[in-house]
N, C-alpha and C. Protein backbone atom coordinates (compact mmCIF):
# COMPACT_ATOMS: atom_id res chain seq x y z
N UNK A 1 -25.48 27.08 -4.77
CA UNK A 1 -25.36 27.33 -3.36
C UNK A 1 -24.04 26.80 -2.82
N UNK A 2 -23.53 25.73 -3.39
CA UNK A 2 -22.25 25.18 -2.93
C UNK A 2 -21.11 26.17 -3.18
N UNK A 3 -21.19 26.90 -4.29
CA UNK A 3 -20.13 27.88 -4.59
C UNK A 3 -20.11 28.98 -3.55
N UNK A 4 -21.28 29.41 -3.12
CA UNK A 4 -21.36 30.45 -2.10
C UNK A 4 -20.79 29.94 -0.78
N UNK A 5 -21.12 28.72 -0.43
CA UNK A 5 -20.62 28.14 0.81
C UNK A 5 -19.11 27.98 0.76
N UNK A 6 -18.57 27.67 -0.41
CA UNK A 6 -17.12 27.50 -0.53
C UNK A 6 -16.39 28.83 -0.43
N UNK A 7 -17.00 29.90 -0.95
CA UNK A 7 -16.35 31.21 -0.92
C UNK A 7 -16.40 31.86 0.45
N UNK A 8 -17.39 31.48 1.23
CA UNK A 8 -17.55 32.07 2.55
C UNK A 8 -16.42 31.63 3.47
N UNK A 9 -15.78 32.55 4.19
CA UNK A 9 -14.71 32.14 5.11
C UNK A 9 -15.30 31.36 6.29
N UNK A 10 -14.52 30.42 6.78
CA UNK A 10 -14.99 29.64 7.93
C UNK A 10 -14.71 30.40 9.20
N UNK A 11 -15.50 30.11 10.20
CA UNK A 11 -15.31 30.75 11.49
C UNK A 11 -14.07 30.19 12.16
N UNK A 12 -13.42 30.99 13.02
CA UNK A 12 -12.25 30.47 13.74
C UNK A 12 -12.66 29.27 14.60
N UNK A 13 -11.86 28.24 14.56
CA UNK A 13 -12.14 27.04 15.34
C UNK A 13 -12.98 26.02 14.59
N UNK A 14 -13.54 26.38 13.46
CA UNK A 14 -14.33 25.43 12.66
C UNK A 14 -13.45 24.75 11.63
N UNK A 15 -13.79 23.53 11.32
CA UNK A 15 -13.03 22.81 10.31
C UNK A 15 -13.90 22.59 9.08
N UNK A 16 -13.29 22.57 7.94
CA UNK A 16 -14.01 22.30 6.70
C UNK A 16 -14.08 20.79 6.48
N UNK A 17 -14.85 20.38 5.49
CA UNK A 17 -14.99 18.95 5.19
C UNK A 17 -13.64 18.34 4.81
N UNK A 18 -12.83 19.08 4.05
CA UNK A 18 -11.51 18.60 3.64
C UNK A 18 -10.61 18.41 4.86
N UNK A 19 -10.67 19.34 5.83
CA UNK A 19 -9.86 19.23 7.04
C UNK A 19 -10.28 18.02 7.86
N UNK A 20 -11.60 17.78 7.95
CA UNK A 20 -12.08 16.63 8.72
C UNK A 20 -11.63 15.32 8.10
N UNK A 21 -11.62 15.24 6.79
CA UNK A 21 -11.19 14.01 6.11
C UNK A 21 -9.71 13.75 6.36
N UNK A 22 -8.88 14.78 6.39
CA UNK A 22 -7.45 14.59 6.61
C UNK A 22 -7.14 14.25 8.07
N UNK A 23 -8.04 14.58 8.99
CA UNK A 23 -7.83 14.25 10.39
C UNK A 23 -7.82 12.74 10.61
N UNK A 24 -8.59 12.02 9.81
CA UNK A 24 -8.72 10.58 9.99
C UNK A 24 -7.91 9.81 8.96
N UNK A 25 -6.86 10.42 8.45
CA UNK A 25 -6.03 9.78 7.45
C UNK A 25 -5.28 8.59 8.05
N UNK A 26 -4.69 8.76 9.21
CA UNK A 26 -3.96 7.70 9.89
C UNK A 26 -4.41 7.64 11.35
N UNK A 27 -4.76 6.45 11.82
CA UNK A 27 -5.12 6.26 13.22
C UNK A 27 -3.91 5.77 14.00
N UNK A 28 -3.81 6.19 15.23
CA UNK A 28 -2.77 5.72 16.14
C UNK A 28 -3.45 5.02 17.32
N UNK A 29 -3.03 3.82 17.63
CA UNK A 29 -3.59 3.10 18.76
C UNK A 29 -2.93 3.57 20.04
N UNK A 30 -3.73 3.87 21.05
CA UNK A 30 -3.16 4.25 22.34
C UNK A 30 -3.24 3.09 23.31
N UNK A 31 -4.26 2.24 23.14
CA UNK A 31 -4.35 1.03 23.97
C UNK A 31 -5.03 -0.06 23.16
N UNK A 32 -4.59 -1.29 23.38
CA UNK A 32 -5.14 -2.47 22.71
C UNK A 32 -5.27 -3.59 23.73
N UNK A 33 -6.05 -4.61 23.39
CA UNK A 33 -6.21 -5.76 24.28
C UNK A 33 -5.00 -6.66 24.18
N UNK A 34 -4.42 -7.00 25.32
CA UNK A 34 -3.29 -7.92 25.38
C UNK A 34 -3.79 -9.28 25.87
N UNK A 35 -3.64 -10.34 25.04
CA UNK A 35 -4.11 -11.66 25.48
C UNK A 35 -3.30 -12.23 26.65
N UNK A 36 -2.07 -11.81 26.79
CA UNK A 36 -1.24 -12.32 27.88
C UNK A 36 -1.63 -11.67 29.21
N UNK A 37 -1.84 -10.34 29.21
CA UNK A 37 -2.24 -9.62 30.42
C UNK A 37 -3.75 -9.70 30.67
N UNK A 38 -4.50 -10.11 29.63
CA UNK A 38 -5.94 -10.28 29.68
C UNK A 38 -6.69 -8.99 30.03
N UNK A 39 -6.22 -7.86 29.44
CA UNK A 39 -6.89 -6.58 29.63
C UNK A 39 -6.37 -5.59 28.58
N UNK A 40 -7.06 -4.48 28.47
CA UNK A 40 -6.61 -3.42 27.56
C UNK A 40 -5.42 -2.71 28.21
N UNK A 41 -4.36 -2.54 27.46
CA UNK A 41 -3.13 -1.96 27.99
C UNK A 41 -2.62 -0.87 27.06
N UNK A 42 -1.83 0.07 27.57
CA UNK A 42 -1.18 1.03 26.68
C UNK A 42 -0.17 0.31 25.80
N UNK A 43 0.08 0.86 24.63
CA UNK A 43 0.97 0.21 23.68
C UNK A 43 2.15 1.10 23.33
N UNK A 44 3.21 0.45 22.86
CA UNK A 44 4.38 1.13 22.29
C UNK A 44 4.43 0.76 20.82
N UNK A 45 4.80 1.70 20.00
CA UNK A 45 4.87 1.48 18.56
C UNK A 45 6.33 1.31 18.16
N UNK A 46 6.64 0.19 17.48
CA UNK A 46 8.02 -0.10 17.08
C UNK A 46 8.08 -0.29 15.57
N UNK A 47 9.03 0.37 14.93
CA UNK A 47 9.22 0.25 13.48
C UNK A 47 9.85 -1.10 13.17
N UNK A 48 9.18 -1.88 12.31
CA UNK A 48 9.70 -3.19 11.92
C UNK A 48 10.44 -3.14 10.59
N UNK A 49 9.78 -2.62 9.55
CA UNK A 49 10.33 -2.63 8.20
C UNK A 49 10.03 -1.32 7.49
N UNK A 50 10.94 -0.93 6.62
CA UNK A 50 10.68 0.18 5.71
C UNK A 50 10.55 -0.44 4.33
N UNK A 51 9.34 -0.40 3.79
CA UNK A 51 9.02 -1.02 2.51
C UNK A 51 8.82 0.05 1.44
N UNK A 52 8.89 -0.29 0.16
CA UNK A 52 8.65 0.71 -0.89
C UNK A 52 7.25 1.32 -0.83
N UNK A 53 6.26 0.54 -0.40
CA UNK A 53 4.89 1.06 -0.34
C UNK A 53 4.51 1.64 1.01
N UNK A 54 5.38 1.56 2.01
CA UNK A 54 5.08 2.13 3.32
C UNK A 54 5.99 1.57 4.40
N UNK A 55 5.66 1.93 5.63
CA UNK A 55 6.44 1.47 6.79
C UNK A 55 5.58 0.55 7.64
N UNK A 56 6.14 -0.58 8.06
CA UNK A 56 5.40 -1.54 8.88
C UNK A 56 5.80 -1.36 10.34
N UNK A 57 4.80 -1.17 11.19
CA UNK A 57 5.00 -0.98 12.62
C UNK A 57 4.37 -2.14 13.39
N UNK A 58 4.88 -2.36 14.59
CA UNK A 58 4.34 -3.38 15.47
C UNK A 58 3.97 -2.71 16.78
N UNK A 59 2.80 -3.05 17.31
CA UNK A 59 2.37 -2.53 18.60
C UNK A 59 2.71 -3.55 19.68
N UNK A 60 3.40 -3.08 20.73
CA UNK A 60 3.82 -3.95 21.83
C UNK A 60 3.11 -3.54 23.11
N UNK A 61 2.80 -4.53 23.94
CA UNK A 61 2.21 -4.27 25.25
C UNK A 61 3.24 -3.53 26.11
N UNK A 62 2.80 -2.49 26.79
CA UNK A 62 3.71 -1.68 27.61
C UNK A 62 4.17 -2.44 28.86
N UNK A 63 3.43 -3.49 29.27
CA UNK A 63 3.79 -4.22 30.49
C UNK A 63 4.60 -5.48 30.23
N UNK A 64 4.13 -6.34 29.29
CA UNK A 64 4.82 -7.62 29.07
C UNK A 64 5.61 -7.65 27.76
N UNK A 65 5.54 -6.61 26.96
CA UNK A 65 6.26 -6.49 25.67
C UNK A 65 5.88 -7.53 24.63
N UNK A 66 4.71 -8.14 24.76
CA UNK A 66 4.29 -9.08 23.72
C UNK A 66 3.68 -8.31 22.56
N UNK A 67 3.78 -8.86 21.36
CA UNK A 67 3.25 -8.23 20.17
C UNK A 67 1.73 -8.37 20.15
N UNK A 68 1.02 -7.24 20.03
CA UNK A 68 -0.44 -7.31 20.06
C UNK A 68 -1.10 -6.65 18.84
N UNK A 69 -0.29 -6.21 17.88
CA UNK A 69 -0.88 -5.64 16.67
C UNK A 69 0.18 -5.15 15.71
N UNK A 70 -0.25 -4.95 14.45
CA UNK A 70 0.64 -4.44 13.40
C UNK A 70 -0.09 -3.40 12.59
N UNK A 71 0.69 -2.54 11.94
CA UNK A 71 0.12 -1.48 11.12
C UNK A 71 1.09 -1.15 10.00
N UNK A 72 0.55 -0.87 8.81
CA UNK A 72 1.36 -0.42 7.69
C UNK A 72 0.91 0.99 7.35
N UNK A 73 1.82 1.94 7.46
CA UNK A 73 1.55 3.32 7.08
C UNK A 73 2.01 3.50 5.65
N UNK A 74 1.06 3.77 4.77
CA UNK A 74 1.39 3.93 3.36
C UNK A 74 2.06 5.28 3.13
N UNK A 75 3.06 5.28 2.27
CA UNK A 75 3.80 6.49 1.95
C UNK A 75 3.09 7.21 0.81
N UNK A 76 2.90 8.52 0.96
CA UNK A 76 2.23 9.31 -0.08
C UNK A 76 3.12 9.47 -1.30
N UNK A 77 4.41 9.68 -1.08
CA UNK A 77 5.34 9.85 -2.20
C UNK A 77 6.08 8.54 -2.44
N UNK A 78 6.26 8.21 -3.68
CA UNK A 78 6.97 6.98 -4.03
C UNK A 78 8.46 7.16 -3.83
N UNK A 79 9.12 6.09 -3.41
CA UNK A 79 10.57 6.11 -3.23
C UNK A 79 11.23 5.93 -4.59
N UNK A 80 12.20 6.78 -4.87
CA UNK A 80 12.91 6.69 -6.15
C UNK A 80 14.32 6.21 -5.88
N UNK A 81 14.69 5.13 -6.51
CA UNK A 81 16.02 4.57 -6.35
C UNK A 81 16.97 5.20 -7.36
N UNK A 82 18.13 5.59 -6.90
CA UNK A 82 19.15 6.16 -7.79
C UNK A 82 20.28 5.14 -7.92
N UNK A 83 20.52 4.72 -9.13
CA UNK A 83 21.60 3.75 -9.38
C UNK A 83 22.64 4.36 -10.27
N UNK A 84 23.87 3.97 -10.07
CA UNK A 84 24.96 4.46 -10.92
C UNK A 84 25.40 3.34 -11.84
N UNK A 85 25.71 3.65 -13.09
CA UNK A 85 26.12 2.61 -14.04
C UNK A 85 27.49 2.06 -13.75
C-alpha cells in the first residue's frame, strides 16, 4: 500500500512527509526573552564566526542590543581547503 501512496501524485497545496521534515530543518527566532528589558522582544541575528562545521550566530535584543541567545547553523557540505606547495 505504501508503494501506491508514493506513486500517487499529491494534490496542489499539499506537502509530503519529506517536505514537512525539511521545513523544520532550521528554526529562526523572531522574538526571545530579554532579561534586561524583562519581556519578550524582537531579535536581530548577527554572524559571529564561520567555523568548519557551521556558522555561529548571536541573537541581540532589538531595543537594548544585549546578547540573548546563540545558534550554530551546521553546514551540509564540508569546507575543502586548497593549499599550494
